[in-house]
């Protein structure tokens, strides 16, 4: 799966929140400064070509919906990040964040609970 550019990811975040939507509905969900309609339309077309969005014609307009779920993209992005910066080691990543006080002891306990629950 391709990694998205920052603005493409922002657009996908809007579609993941909205579900099926028209371009004009997506723009208010983008961070400031908001791009012009034509810029968003161009990026939506690129996202469609990349296989992230599907177009449906409604009258004389186009509605788009995500083909890739937020969870699938998050899994891939996290795997890429961990591979690139932590030698594909989740324990190295957690140790890094724990050492830099980015993860609290309580959060680590919650992570352990999740791991134990998923092993059952």
PDB file of N, CA and C in Angstrom:
ATOM      1  N   UNK A   1       0.852  -1.182   0.000  1.00  0.00           N
ATOM      2  CA  UNK A   1       0.000   0.000   0.000  1.00  0.00           C
ATOM      3  C   UNK A   1       0.894   1.241   0.000  1.00  0.00           C
ATOM      4  N   UNK A   2       0.463   2.247  -0.739  1.00  0.00           N
ATOM      5  CA  UNK A   2       1.229   3.487  -0.837  1.00  0.00           C
ATOM      6  C   UNK A   2       1.082   4.344   0.410  1.00  0.00           C
ATOM      7  N   UNK A   3       2.158   5.060   0.727  1.00  0.00           N
ATOM      8  CA  UNK A   3       2.088   6.051   1.794  1.00  0.00           C
ATOM      9  C   UNK A   3       1.499   7.319   1.190  1.00  0.00           C
ATOM     10  N   UNK A   4       0.619   7.944   1.929  1.00  0.00           N
ATOM     11  CA  UNK A   4      -0.032   9.159   1.439  1.00  0.00           C
ATOM     12  C   UNK A   4       0.760  10.399   1.824  1.00  0.00           C
ATOM     13  N   UNK A   5       0.681  11.417   0.967  1.00  0.00           N
ATOM     14  CA  UNK A   5       1.241  12.723   1.290  1.00  0.00           C
ATOM     15  C   UNK A   5       0.392  13.338   2.408  1.00  0.00           C
ATOM     16  N   UNK A   6       0.927  14.339   3.077  1.00  0.00           N
ATOM     17  CA  UNK A   6       0.243  14.931   4.222  1.00  0.00           C
ATOM     18  C   UNK A   6      -1.179  15.387   3.887  1.00  0.00           C
ATOM     19  N   UNK A   7      -1.351  16.144   2.815  1.00  0.00           N
ATOM     20  CA  UNK A   7      -2.679  16.656   2.469  1.00  0.00           C
ATOM     21  C   UNK A   7      -3.597  15.515   2.030  1.00  0.00           C
ATOM     22  N   UNK A   8      -3.063  14.511   1.330  1.00  0.00           N
ATOM     23  CA  UNK A   8      -3.874  13.351   0.956  1.00  0.00           C
ATOM     24  C   UNK A   8      -4.391  12.643   2.206  1.00  0.00           C
ATOM     25  N   UNK A   9      -3.522  12.520   3.191  1.00  0.00           N
ATOM     26  CA  UNK A   9      -3.929  11.867   4.435  1.00  0.00           C
ATOM     27  C   UNK A   9      -4.999  12.681   5.162  1.00  0.00           C
ATOM     28  N   UNK A  10      -4.874  14.000   5.138  1.00  0.00           N
ATOM     29  CA  UNK A  10      -5.891  14.859   5.745  1.00  0.00           C
ATOM     30  C   UNK A  10      -7.236  14.679   5.044  1.00  0.00           C
ATOM     31  N   UNK A  11      -7.207  14.563   3.740  1.00  0.00           N
ATOM     32  CA  UNK A  11      -8.445  14.348   2.981  1.00  0.00           C
ATOM     33  C   UNK A  11      -9.037  12.984   3.322  1.00  0.00           C
ATOM     34  N   UNK A  12      -8.183  11.966   3.415  1.00  0.00           N
ATOM     35  CA  UNK A  12      -8.685  10.643   3.777  1.00  0.00           C
ATOM     36  C   UNK A  12      -9.247  10.647   5.190  1.00  0.00           C
ATOM     37  N   UNK A  13      -8.626  11.378   6.118  1.00  0.00           N
ATOM     38  CA  UNK A  13      -9.165  11.470   7.476  1.00  0.00           C
ATOM     39  C   UNK A  13     -10.600  12.007   7.425  1.00  0.00           C
ATOM     40  N   UNK A  14     -10.821  13.005   6.574  1.00  0.00           N
ATOM     41  CA  UNK A  14     -12.167  13.573   6.437  1.00  0.00           C
ATOM     42  C   UNK A  14     -13.129  12.525   5.885  1.00  0.00           C
ATOM     43  N   UNK A  15     -12.723  11.797   4.851  1.00  0.00           N
ATOM     44  CA  UNK A  15     -13.602  10.760   4.292  1.00  0.00           C
ATOM     45  C   UNK A  15     -13.847   9.642   5.295  1.00  0.00           C
ATOM     46  N   UNK A  16     -12.828   9.268   6.069  1.00  0.00           N
ATOM     47  CA  UNK A  16     -13.035   8.226   7.078  1.00  0.00           C
ATOM     48  C   UNK A  16     -14.043   8.681   8.124  1.00  0.00           C
ATOM     49  N   UNK A  17     -14.039   9.952   8.437  1.00  0.00           N
ATOM     50  CA  UNK A  17     -15.009  10.476   9.408  1.00  0.00           C
ATOM     51  C   UNK A  17     -16.401  10.593   8.804  1.00  0.00           C
ATOM     52  N   UNK A  18     -16.468  11.025   7.556  1.00  0.00           N
ATOM     53  CA  UNK A  18     -17.761  11.289   6.921  1.00  0.00           C
ATOM     54  C   UNK A  18     -18.376  10.058   6.263  1.00  0.00           C
ATOM     55  N   UNK A  19     -17.546   9.137   5.835  1.00  0.00           N
ATOM     56  CA  UNK A  19     -18.041   8.029   5.019  1.00  0.00           C
ATOM     57  C   UNK A  19     -18.153   8.513   3.585  1.00  0.00           C
ATOM     58  N   UNK A  20     -19.266   8.312   2.966  1.00  0.00           N
ATOM     59  CA  UNK A  20     -19.493   8.791   1.605  1.00  0.00           C
ATOM     60  C   UNK A  20     -19.752  10.294   1.645  1.00  0.00           C
ATOM     61  N   UNK A  21     -19.071  11.041   0.742  1.00  0.00           N
ATOM     62  CA  UNK A  21     -19.213  12.500   0.790  1.00  0.00           C
ATOM     63  C   UNK A  21     -18.860  13.128  -0.557  1.00  0.00           C
ATOM     64  N   UNK A  22     -19.386  14.323  -0.757  1.00  0.00           N
ATOM     65  CA  UNK A  22     -19.011  15.148  -1.896  1.00  0.00           C
ATOM     66  C   UNK A  22     -17.787  15.972  -1.498  1.00  0.00           C
ATOM     67  N   UNK A  23     -17.052  16.433  -2.487  1.00  0.00           N
ATOM     68  CA  UNK A  23     -15.853  17.229  -2.213  1.00  0.00           C
ATOM     69  C   UNK A  23     -16.198  18.441  -1.358  1.00  0.00           C
ATOM     70  N   UNK A  24     -17.283  19.103  -1.664  1.00  0.00           N
ATOM     71  CA  UNK A  24     -17.650  20.310  -0.903  1.00  0.00           C
ATOM     72  C   UNK A  24     -17.900  20.004   0.570  1.00  0.00           C
ATOM     73  N   UNK A  25     -18.280  18.752   0.882  1.00  0.00           N
ATOM     74  CA  UNK A  25     -18.508  18.352   2.272  1.00  0.00           C
ATOM     75  C   UNK A  25     -17.201  18.068   3.013  1.00  0.00           C
ATOM     76  N   UNK A  26     -16.164  17.749   2.267  1.00  0.00           N
ATOM     77  CA  UNK A  26     -14.873  17.396   2.849  1.00  0.00           C
ATOM     78  C   UNK A  26     -14.094  18.645   3.254  1.00  0.00           C
ATOM     79  N   UNK A  27     -14.174  19.689   2.460  1.00  0.00           N
ATOM     80  CA  UNK A  27     -13.356  20.891   2.651  1.00  0.00           C
ATOM     81  C   UNK A  27     -13.459  21.467   4.067  1.00  0.00           C
ATOM     82  N   UNK A  28     -14.650  21.596   4.656  1.00  0.00           N
ATOM     83  CA  UNK A  28     -14.715  22.150   6.019  1.00  0.00           C
ATOM     84  C   UNK A  28     -14.007  21.301   7.075  1.00  0.00           C
ATOM     85  N   UNK A  29     -13.732  20.035   6.753  1.00  0.00           N
ATOM     86  CA  UNK A  29     -13.068  19.135   7.697  1.00  0.00           C
ATOM     87  C   UNK A  29     -11.550  19.183   7.586  1.00  0.00           C
ATOM     88  N   UNK A  30     -11.035  19.970   6.659  1.00  0.00           N
ATOM     89  CA  UNK A  30      -9.596  20.077   6.464  1.00  0.00           C
ATOM     90  C   UNK A  30      -9.039  21.203   7.333  1.00  0.00           C
ATOM     91  N   UNK A  31      -7.794  21.059   7.778  1.00  0.00           N
ATOM     92  CA  UNK A  31      -7.196  22.100   8.614  1.00  0.00           C
ATOM     93  C   UNK A  31      -6.913  23.376   7.814  1.00  0.00           C
ATOM     94  N   UNK A  32      -6.859  24.480   8.539  1.00  0.00           N
ATOM     95  CA  UNK A  32      -6.503  25.769   7.935  1.00  0.00           C
ATOM     96  C   UNK A  32      -5.018  25.770   7.581  1.00  0.00           C
ATOM     97  N   UNK A  33      -4.607  26.435   6.546  1.00  0.00           N
ATOM     98  CA  UNK A  33      -5.452  27.094   5.557  1.00  0.00           C
ATOM     99  C   UNK A  33      -6.063  26.042   4.629  1.00  0.00           C
ATOM    100  N   UNK A  34      -7.358  26.129   4.454  1.00  0.00           N
ATOM    101  CA  UNK A  34      -8.062  25.148   3.627  1.00  0.00           C
ATOM    102  C   UNK A  34      -7.729  25.376   2.142  1.00  0.00           C
ATOM    103  N   UNK A  35      -7.482  24.279   1.441  1.00  0.00           N
ATOM    104  CA  UNK A  35      -7.184  24.423   0.017  1.00  0.00           C
ATOM    105  C   UNK A  35      -8.445  24.775  -0.767  1.00  0.00           C
ATOM    106  N   UNK A  36      -8.242  25.306  -1.955  1.00  0.00           N
ATOM    107  CA  UNK A  36      -9.339  25.647  -2.864  1.00  0.00           C
ATOM    108  C   UNK A  36     -10.016  24.357  -3.333  1.00  0.00           C
ATOM    109  N   UNK A  37     -11.272  24.467  -3.686  1.00  0.00           N
ATOM    110  CA  UNK A  37     -12.063  23.329  -4.162  1.00  0.00           C
ATOM    111  C   UNK A  37     -11.331  22.568  -5.263  1.00  0.00           C
ATOM    112  N   UNK A  38     -10.774  23.291  -6.239  1.00  0.00           N
ATOM    113  CA  UNK A  38     -10.106  22.620  -7.374  1.00  0.00           C
ATOM    114  C   UNK A  38      -8.900  21.816  -6.918  1.00  0.00           C
ATOM    115  N   UNK A  39      -8.179  22.308  -5.921  1.00  0.00           N
ATOM    116  CA  UNK A  39      -7.024  21.569  -5.392  1.00  0.00           C
ATOM    117  C   UNK A  39      -7.477  20.278  -4.721  1.00  0.00           C
ATOM    118  N   UNK A  40      -8.552  20.368  -3.947  1.00  0.00           N
ATOM    119  CA  UNK A  40      -9.083  19.174  -3.288  1.00  0.00           C
ATOM    120  C   UNK A  40      -9.592  18.189  -4.333  1.00  0.00           C
ATOM    121  N   UNK A  41     -10.268  18.689  -5.357  1.00  0.00           N
ATOM    122  CA  UNK A  41     -10.780  17.818  -6.422  1.00  0.00           C
ATOM    123  C   UNK A  41      -9.635  17.068  -7.101  1.00  0.00           C
ATOM    124  N   UNK A  42      -8.527  17.756  -7.332  1.00  0.00           N
ATOM    125  CA  UNK A  42      -7.362  17.112  -7.948  1.00  0.00           C
ATOM    126  C   UNK A  42      -6.812  16.022  -7.042  1.00  0.00           C
ATOM    127  N   UNK A  43      -6.705  16.308  -5.755  1.00  0.00           N
ATOM    128  CA  UNK A  43      -6.185  15.312  -4.816  1.00  0.00           C
ATOM    129  C   UNK A  43      -7.142  14.133  -4.654  1.00  0.00           C
ATOM    130  N   UNK A  44      -8.436  14.404  -4.694  1.00  0.00           N
ATOM    131  CA  UNK A  44      -9.420  13.325  -4.617  1.00  0.00           C
ATOM    132  C   UNK A  44      -9.278  12.408  -5.839  1.00  0.00           C
ATOM    133  N   UNK A  45      -9.062  13.001  -7.003  1.00  0.00           N
ATOM    134  CA  UNK A  45      -8.866  12.201  -8.223  1.00  0.00           C
ATOM    135  C   UNK A  45      -7.618  11.323  -8.072  1.00  0.00           C
ATOM    136  N   UNK A  46      -6.549  11.882  -7.513  1.00  0.00           N
ATOM    137  CA  UNK A  46      -5.326  11.106  -7.287  1.00  0.00           C
ATOM    138  C   UNK A  46      -5.591   9.967  -6.296  1.00  0.00           C
ATOM    139  N   UNK A  47      -6.333  10.252  -5.226  1.00  0.00           N
ATOM    140  CA  UNK A  47      -6.673   9.213  -4.248  1.00  0.00           C
ATOM    141  C   UNK A  47      -7.517   8.111  -4.880  1.00  0.00           C
ATOM    142  N   UNK A  48      -8.377   8.495  -5.796  1.00  0.00           N
ATOM    143  CA  UNK A  48      -9.173   7.498  -6.522  1.00  0.00           C
ATOM    144  C   UNK A  48      -8.255   6.635  -7.387  1.00  0.00           C
ATOM    145  N   UNK A  49      -7.312   7.258  -8.084  1.00  0.00           N
ATOM    146  CA  UNK A  49      -6.377   6.520  -8.937  1.00  0.00           C
ATOM    147  C   UNK A  49      -5.483   5.588  -8.121  1.00  0.00           C
ATOM    148  N   UNK A  50      -5.152   6.001  -6.900  1.00  0.00           N
ATOM    149  CA  UNK A  50      -4.321   5.178  -6.014  1.00  0.00           C
ATOM    150  C   UNK A  50      -5.114   4.043  -5.370  1.00  0.00           C
ATOM    151  N   UNK A  51      -6.440   4.053  -5.536  1.00  0.00           N
ATOM    152  CA  UNK A  51      -7.269   2.989  -4.980  1.00  0.00           C
ATOM    153  C   UNK A  51      -7.748   3.229  -3.562  1.00  0.00           C
ATOM    154  N   UNK A  52      -7.654   4.476  -3.080  1.00  0.00           N
ATOM    155  CA  UNK A  52      -8.116   4.795  -1.732  1.00  0.00           C
ATOM    156  C   UNK A  52      -9.585   5.206  -1.703  1.00  0.00           C
ATOM    157  N   UNK A  53     -10.077   5.765  -2.800  1.00  0.00           N
ATOM    158  CA  UNK A  53     -11.466   6.234  -2.874  1.00  0.00           C
ATOM    159  C   UNK A  53     -12.168   5.618  -4.071  1.00  0.00           C
ATOM    160  N   UNK A  54     -13.479   5.516  -3.949  1.00  0.00           N
ATOM    161  CA  UNK A  54     -14.337   5.041  -5.040  1.00  0.00           C
ATOM    162  C   UNK A  54     -15.357   6.128  -5.341  1.00  0.00           C
ATOM    163  N   UNK A  55     -15.583   6.372  -6.621  1.00  0.00           N
ATOM    164  CA  UNK A  55     -16.504   7.428  -7.045  1.00  0.00           C
ATOM    165  C   UNK A  55     -17.855   6.835  -7.417  1.00  0.00           C
ATOM    166  N   UNK A  56     -18.895   7.568  -7.044  1.00  0.00           N
ATOM    167  CA  UNK A  56     -20.265   7.218  -7.430  1.00  0.00           C
ATOM    168  C   UNK A  56     -20.911   8.478  -8.006  1.00  0.00           C
ATOM    169  N   UNK A  57     -21.522   8.333  -9.159  1.00  0.00           N
ATOM    170  CA  UNK A  57     -22.188   9.477  -9.782  1.00  0.00           C
ATOM    171  C   UNK A  57     -23.589   9.619  -9.197  1.00  0.00           C
ATOM    172  N   UNK A  58     -23.863  10.830  -8.700  1.00  0.00           N
ATOM    173  CA  UNK A  58     -25.164  11.153  -8.127  1.00  0.00           C
ATOM    174  C   UNK A  58     -25.673  12.368  -8.894  1.00  0.00           C
ATOM    175  N   UNK A  59     -26.614  12.126  -9.807  1.00  0.00           N
ATOM    176  CA  UNK A  59     -27.058  13.217 -10.677  1.00  0.00           C
ATOM    177  C   UNK A  59     -25.899  13.646 -11.558  1.00  0.00           C
ATOM    178  N   UNK A  60     -25.545  14.922 -11.477  1.00  0.00           N
ATOM    179  CA  UNK A  60     -24.402  15.397 -12.268  1.00  0.00           C
ATOM    180  C   UNK A  60     -23.181  15.655 -11.378  1.00  0.00           C
ATOM    181  N   UNK A  61     -23.173  15.093 -10.177  1.00  0.00           N
ATOM    182  CA  UNK A  61     -22.063  15.272  -9.244  1.00  0.00           C
ATOM    183  C   UNK A  61     -21.461  13.913  -8.896  1.00  0.00           C
ATOM    184  N   UNK A  62     -20.317  13.956  -8.225  1.00  0.00           N
ATOM    185  CA  UNK A  62     -19.644  12.727  -7.808  1.00  0.00           C
ATOM    186  C   UNK A  62     -19.528  12.692  -6.290  1.00  0.00           C
ATOM    187  N   UNK A  63     -19.916  11.561  -5.742  1.00  0.00           N
ATOM    188  CA  UNK A  63     -19.739  11.284  -4.323  1.00  0.00           C
ATOM    189  C   UNK A  63     -18.601  10.271  -4.227  1.00  0.00           C
ATOM    190  N   UNK A  64     -17.827  10.358  -3.168  1.00  0.00           N
ATOM    191  CA  UNK A  64     -16.685   9.458  -2.994  1.00  0.00           C
ATOM    192  C   UNK A  64     -16.790   8.774  -1.646  1.00  0.00           C
ATOM    193  N   UNK A  65     -16.297   7.535  -1.602  1.00  0.00           N
ATOM    194  CA  UNK A  65     -16.255   6.816  -0.326  1.00  0.00           C
ATOM    195  C   UNK A  65     -14.939   6.059  -0.234  1.00  0.00           C
ATOM    196  N   UNK A  66     -14.448   5.865   0.975  1.00  0.00           N
ATOM    197  CA  UNK A  66     -13.164   5.176   1.160  1.00  0.00           C
ATOM    198  C   UNK A  66     -13.237   3.705   0.752  1.00  0.00           C
ATOM    199  N   UNK A  67     -12.206   3.260   0.061  1.00  0.00           N
ATOM    200  CA  UNK A  67     -12.045   1.840  -0.244  1.00  0.00           C
ATOM    201  C   UNK A  67     -11.072   1.190   0.734  1.00  0.00           C
ATOM    202  N   UNK A  68     -10.217   2.008   1.327  1.00  0.00           N
ATOM    203  CA  UNK A  68      -9.253   1.549   2.324  1.00  0.00           C
ATOM    204  C   UNK A  68      -9.720   2.091   3.671  1.00  0.00           C
ATOM    205  N   UNK A  69      -9.864   1.217   4.643  1.00  0.00           N
ATOM    206  CA  UNK A  69     -10.336   1.666   5.961  1.00  0.00           C
ATOM    207  C   UNK A  69      -9.223   2.377   6.716  1.00  0.00           C
ATOM    208  N   UNK A  70      -9.631   3.187   7.671  1.00  0.00           N
ATOM    209  CA  UNK A  70      -8.674   3.885   8.536  1.00  0.00           C
ATOM    210  C   UNK A  70      -7.780   2.862   9.246  1.00  0.00           C
ATOM    211  N   UNK A  71      -8.371   1.767   9.726  1.00  0.00           N
ATOM    212  CA  UNK A  71      -7.619   0.764  10.471  1.00  0.00           C
ATOM    213  C   UNK A  71      -6.557   0.100   9.608  1.00  0.00           C
ATOM    214  N   UNK A  72      -6.893  -0.237   8.372  1.00  0.00           N
ATOM    215  CA  UNK A  72      -5.920  -0.860   7.468  1.00  0.00           C
ATOM    216  C   UNK A  72      -4.771   0.100   7.198  1.00  0.00           C
ATOM    217  N   UNK A  73      -5.099   1.374   6.947  1.00  0.00           N
ATOM    218  CA  UNK A  73      -4.051   2.362   6.692  1.00  0.00           C
ATOM    219  C   UNK A  73      -3.190   2.584   7.944  1.00  0.00           C
ATOM    220  N   UNK A  74      -3.815   2.660   9.116  1.00  0.00           N
ATOM    221  CA  UNK A  74      -3.065   2.827  10.361  1.00  0.00           C
ATOM    222  C   UNK A  74      -2.102   1.667  10.582  1.00  0.00           C
ATOM    223  N   UNK A  75      -2.575   0.447  10.357  1.00  0.00           N
ATOM    224  CA  UNK A  75      -1.715  -0.728  10.525  1.00  0.00           C
ATOM    225  C   UNK A  75      -0.494  -0.642   9.617  1.00  0.00           C
ATOM    226  N   UNK A  76      -0.730  -0.277   8.369  1.00  0.00           N
ATOM    227  CA  UNK A  76       0.374  -0.183   7.412  1.00  0.00           C
ATOM    228  C   UNK A  76       1.327   0.948   7.777  1.00  0.00           C
ATOM    229  N   UNK A  77       0.782   2.108   8.139  1.00  0.00           N
ATOM    230  CA  UNK A  77       1.621   3.254   8.509  1.00  0.00           C
ATOM    231  C   UNK A  77       2.440   2.940   9.753  1.00  0.00           C
ATOM    232  N   UNK A  78       1.826   2.282  10.737  1.00  0.00           N
ATOM    233  CA  UNK A  78       2.547   1.922  11.959  1.00  0.00           C
ATOM    234  C   UNK A  78       3.658   0.925  11.646  1.00  0.00           C
ATOM    235  N   UNK A  79       3.364  -0.063  10.820  1.00  0.00           N
ATOM    236  CA  UNK A  79       4.388  -1.050  10.442  1.00  0.00           C
ATOM    237  C   UNK A  79       5.549  -0.382   9.725  1.00  0.00           C
ATOM    238  N   UNK A  80       5.237   0.532   8.811  1.00  0.00           N
ATOM    239  CA  UNK A  80       6.288   1.254   8.091  1.00  0.00           C
ATOM    240  C   UNK A  80       7.142   2.072   9.052  1.00  0.00           C
ATOM    241  N   UNK A  81       6.501   2.771   9.985  1.00  0.00           N
ATOM    242  CA  UNK A  81       7.189   3.605  10.966  1.00  0.00           C
ATOM    243  C   UNK A  81       8.107   2.755  11.846  1.00  0.00           C
ATOM    244  N   UNK A  82       7.575   1.659  12.349  1.00  0.00           N
ATOM    245  CA  UNK A  82       8.356   0.796  13.237  1.00  0.00           C
ATOM    246  C   UNK A  82       9.508   0.148  12.474  1.00  0.00           C
ATOM    247  N   UNK A  83       9.252  -0.218  11.236  1.00  0.00           N
ATOM    248  CA  UNK A  83      10.332  -0.776  10.411  1.00  0.00           C
ATOM    249  C   UNK A  83      11.421   0.238  10.126  1.00  0.00           C
ATOM    250  N   UNK A  84      11.034   1.451   9.820  1.00  0.00           N
ATOM    251  CA  UNK A  84      11.988   2.489   9.437  1.00  0.00           C
ATOM    252  C   UNK A  84      12.815   2.976  10.618  1.00  0.00           C
ATOM    253  N   UNK A  85      12.202   3.117  11.797  1.00  0.00           N
ATOM    254  CA  UNK A  85      12.891   3.731  12.924  1.00  0.00           C
ATOM    255  C   UNK A  85      13.268   2.789  14.057  1.00  0.00           C
ATOM    256  N   UNK A  86      12.674   1.593  14.103  1.00  0.00           N
ATOM    257  CA  UNK A  86      12.900   0.708  15.252  1.00  0.00           C
ATOM    258  C   UNK A  86      13.220  -0.730  14.843  1.00  0.00           C
ATOM    259  N   UNK A  87      13.774  -0.926  13.659  1.00  0.00           N
ATOM    260  CA  UNK A  87      14.183  -2.259  13.181  1.00  0.00           C
ATOM    261  C   UNK A  87      13.070  -3.301  13.304  1.00  0.00           C
ATOM    262  N   UNK A  88      11.851  -2.899  13.012  1.00  0.00           N
ATOM    263  CA  UNK A  88      10.680  -3.787  13.088  1.00  0.00           C
ATOM    264  C   UNK A  88      10.455  -4.355  14.487  1.00  0.00           C
ATOM    265  N   UNK A  89      10.896  -3.638  15.502  1.00  0.00           N
ATOM    266  CA  UNK A  89      10.760  -4.116  16.875  1.00  0.00           C
ATOM    267  C   UNK A  89       9.812  -3.207  17.657  1.00  0.00           C
ATOM    268  N   UNK A  90       8.658  -3.774  17.999  1.00  0.00           N
ATOM    269  CA  UNK A  90       7.700  -3.017  18.804  1.00  0.00           C
ATOM    270  C   UNK A  90       8.252  -2.765  20.199  1.00  0.00           C
ATOM    271  N   UNK A  91       9.033  -3.716  20.724  1.00  0.00           N
ATOM    272  CA  UNK A  91       9.599  -3.525  22.056  1.00  0.00           C
ATOM    273  C   UNK A  91      10.612  -2.380  22.059  1.00  0.00           C
ATOM    274  N   UNK A  92      11.407  -2.245  20.985  1.00  0.00           N
ATOM    275  CA  UNK A  92      12.336  -1.115  20.886  1.00  0.00           C
ATOM    276  C   UNK A  92      11.567   0.203  20.833  1.00  0.00           C
ATOM    277  N   UNK A  93      10.452   0.200  20.111  1.00  0.00           N
ATOM    278  CA  UNK A  93       9.643   1.415  20.018  1.00  0.00           C
ATOM    279  C   UNK A  93       9.081   1.788  21.390  1.00  0.00           C
ATOM    280  N   UNK A  94       8.493   0.811  22.090  1.00  0.00           N
ATOM    281  CA  UNK A  94       7.938   1.082  23.411  1.00  0.00           C
ATOM    282  C   UNK A  94       9.021   1.522  24.391  1.00  0.00           C
ATOM    283  N   UNK A  95      10.191   0.878  24.315  1.00  0.00           N
ATOM    284  CA  UNK A  95      11.296   1.257  25.198  1.00  0.00           C
ATOM    285  C   UNK A  95      11.719   2.704  24.918  1.00  0.00           C
ATOM    286  N   UNK A  96      11.782   3.070  23.659  1.00  0.00           N
ATOM    287  CA  UNK A  96      12.134   4.445  23.295  1.00  0.00           C
ATOM    288  C   UNK A  96      11.165   5.450  23.908  1.00  0.00           C
ATOM    289  N   UNK A  97       9.878   5.194  23.743  1.00  0.00           N
ATOM    290  CA  UNK A  97       8.876   6.118  24.269  1.00  0.00           C
ATOM    291  C   UNK A  97       8.825   6.101  25.796  1.00  0.00           C
ATOM    292  N   UNK A  98       9.078   4.948  26.386  1.00  0.00           N
ATOM    293  CA  UNK A  98       9.105   4.874  27.846  1.00  0.00           C
ATOM    294  C   UNK A  98      10.299   5.655  28.405  1.00  0.00           C
ATOM    295  N   UNK A  99      11.469   5.519  27.773  1.00  0.00           N
ATOM    296  CA  UNK A  99      12.676   6.233  28.223  1.00  0.00           C
ATOM    297  C   UNK A  99      12.507   7.747  28.105  1.00  0.00           C
ATOM    298  N   UNK A 100      11.798   8.175  27.086  1.00  0.00           N
ATOM    299  CA  UNK A 100      11.633   9.622  26.870  1.00  0.00           C
ATOM    300  C   UNK A 100      10.380  10.160  27.559  1.00  0.00           C
ATOM    301  N   UNK A 101       9.793   9.338  28.440  1.00  0.00           N
ATOM    302  CA  UNK A 101       8.597   9.728  29.198  1.00  0.00           C
ATOM    303  C   UNK A 101       7.411  10.106  28.308  1.00  0.00           C
ATOM    304  N   UNK A 102       7.332   9.513  27.131  1.00  0.00           N
ATOM    305  CA  UNK A 102       6.197   9.748  26.246  1.00  0.00           C
ATOM    306  C   UNK A 102       5.056   8.775  26.530  1.00  0.00           C
ATOM    307  N   UNK A 103       5.385   7.695  27.246  1.00  0.00           N
ATOM    308  CA  UNK A 103       4.384   6.693  27.628  1.00  0.00           C
ATOM    309  C   UNK A 103       4.469   6.547  29.143  1.00  0.00           C
ATOM    310  N   UNK A 104       3.347   6.706  29.791  1.00  0.00           N
ATOM    311  CA  UNK A 104       3.333   6.598  31.250  1.00  0.00           C
ATOM    312  C   UNK A 104       3.291   5.134  31.681  1.00  0.00           C
ATOM    313  N   UNK A 105       3.572   4.919  32.935  1.00  0.00           N
ATOM    314  CA  UNK A 105       3.500   3.568  33.492  1.00  0.00           C
ATOM    315  C   UNK A 105       2.078   3.021  33.366  1.00  0.00           C
ATOM    316  N   UNK A 106       1.105   3.886  33.589  1.00  0.00           N
ATOM    317  CA  UNK A 106      -0.303   3.465  33.481  1.00  0.00           C
ATOM    318  C   UNK A 106      -0.631   3.038  32.039  1.00  0.00           C
ATOM    319  N   UNK A 107      -0.124   3.779  31.062  1.00  0.00           N
ATOM    320  CA  UNK A 107      -0.356   3.406  29.656  1.00  0.00           C
ATOM    321  C   UNK A 107       0.313   2.082  29.328  1.00  0.00           C
ATOM    322  N   UNK A 108       1.522   1.854  29.863  1.00  0.00           N
ATOM    323  CA  UNK A 108       2.195   0.577  29.634  1.00  0.00           C
ATOM    324  C   UNK A 108       1.405  -0.570  30.255  1.00  0.00           C
ATOM    325  N   UNK A 109       0.821  -0.346  31.425  1.00  0.00           N
ATOM    326  CA  UNK A 109      -0.022  -1.376  32.051  1.00  0.00           C
ATOM    327  C   UNK A 109      -1.242  -1.668  31.176  1.00  0.00           C
ATOM    328  N   UNK A 110      -1.830  -0.609  30.615  1.00  0.00           N
ATOM    329  CA  UNK A 110      -2.975  -0.799  29.711  1.00  0.00           C
ATOM    330  C   UNK A 110      -2.573  -1.600  28.482  1.00  0.00           C
ATOM    331  N   UNK A 111      -1.389  -1.328  27.953  1.00  0.00           N
ATOM    332  CA  UNK A 111      -0.887  -2.079  26.791  1.00  0.00           C
ATOM    333  C   UNK A 111      -0.715  -3.546  27.151  1.00  0.00           C
ATOM    334  N   UNK A 112      -0.155  -3.825  28.328  1.00  0.00           N
ATOM    335  CA  UNK A 112       0.007  -5.212  28.772  1.00  0.00           C
ATOM    336  C   UNK A 112      -1.337  -5.924  28.906  1.00  0.00           C
ATOM    337  N   UNK A 113      -2.332  -5.209  29.436  1.00  0.00           N
ATOM    338  CA  UNK A 113      -3.670  -5.785  29.554  1.00  0.00           C
ATOM    339  C   UNK A 113      -4.229  -6.151  28.176  1.00  0.00           C
ATOM    340  N   UNK A 114      -4.030  -5.259  27.200  1.00  0.00           N
ATOM    341  CA  UNK A 114      -4.499  -5.536  25.838  1.00  0.00           C
ATOM    342  C   UNK A 114      -3.795  -6.754  25.248  1.00  0.00           C
ATOM    343  N   UNK A 115      -2.502  -6.835  25.461  1.00  0.00           N
ATOM    344  CA  UNK A 115      -1.735  -7.973  24.943  1.00  0.00           C
ATOM    345  C   UNK A 115      -2.235  -9.268  25.562  1.00  0.00           C
ATOM    346  N   UNK A 116      -2.416  -9.267  26.869  1.00  0.00           N
ATOM    347  CA  UNK A 116      -2.903 -10.472  27.559  1.00  0.00           C
ATOM    348  C   UNK A 116      -4.309 -10.851  27.115  1.00  0.00           C
ATOM    349  N   UNK A 117      -5.158  -9.857  26.917  1.00  0.00           N
ATOM    350  CA  UNK A 117      -6.531 -10.124  26.473  1.00  0.00           C
ATOM    351  C   UNK A 117      -6.556 -10.713  25.071  1.00  0.00           C
ATOM    352  N   UNK A 118      -5.661 -10.257  24.218  1.00  0.00           N
ATOM    353  CA  UNK A 118      -5.624 -10.754  22.836  1.00  0.00           C
ATOM    354  C   UNK A 118      -4.995 -12.136  22.718  1.00  0.00           C
ATOM    355  N   UNK A 119      -4.256 -12.552  23.745  1.00  0.00           N
ATOM    356  CA  UNK A 119      -3.638 -13.882  23.727  1.00  0.00           C
ATOM    357  C   UNK A 119      -4.621 -14.964  24.117  1.00  0.00           C
ATOM    358  N   UNK A 120      -5.750 -14.582  24.711  1.00  0.00           N
ATOM    359  CA  UNK A 120      -6.740 -15.573  25.158  1.00  0.00           C
ATOM    360  C   UNK A 120      -7.578 -16.069  24.013  1.00  0.00           C
TER     361      UNK A 120
END
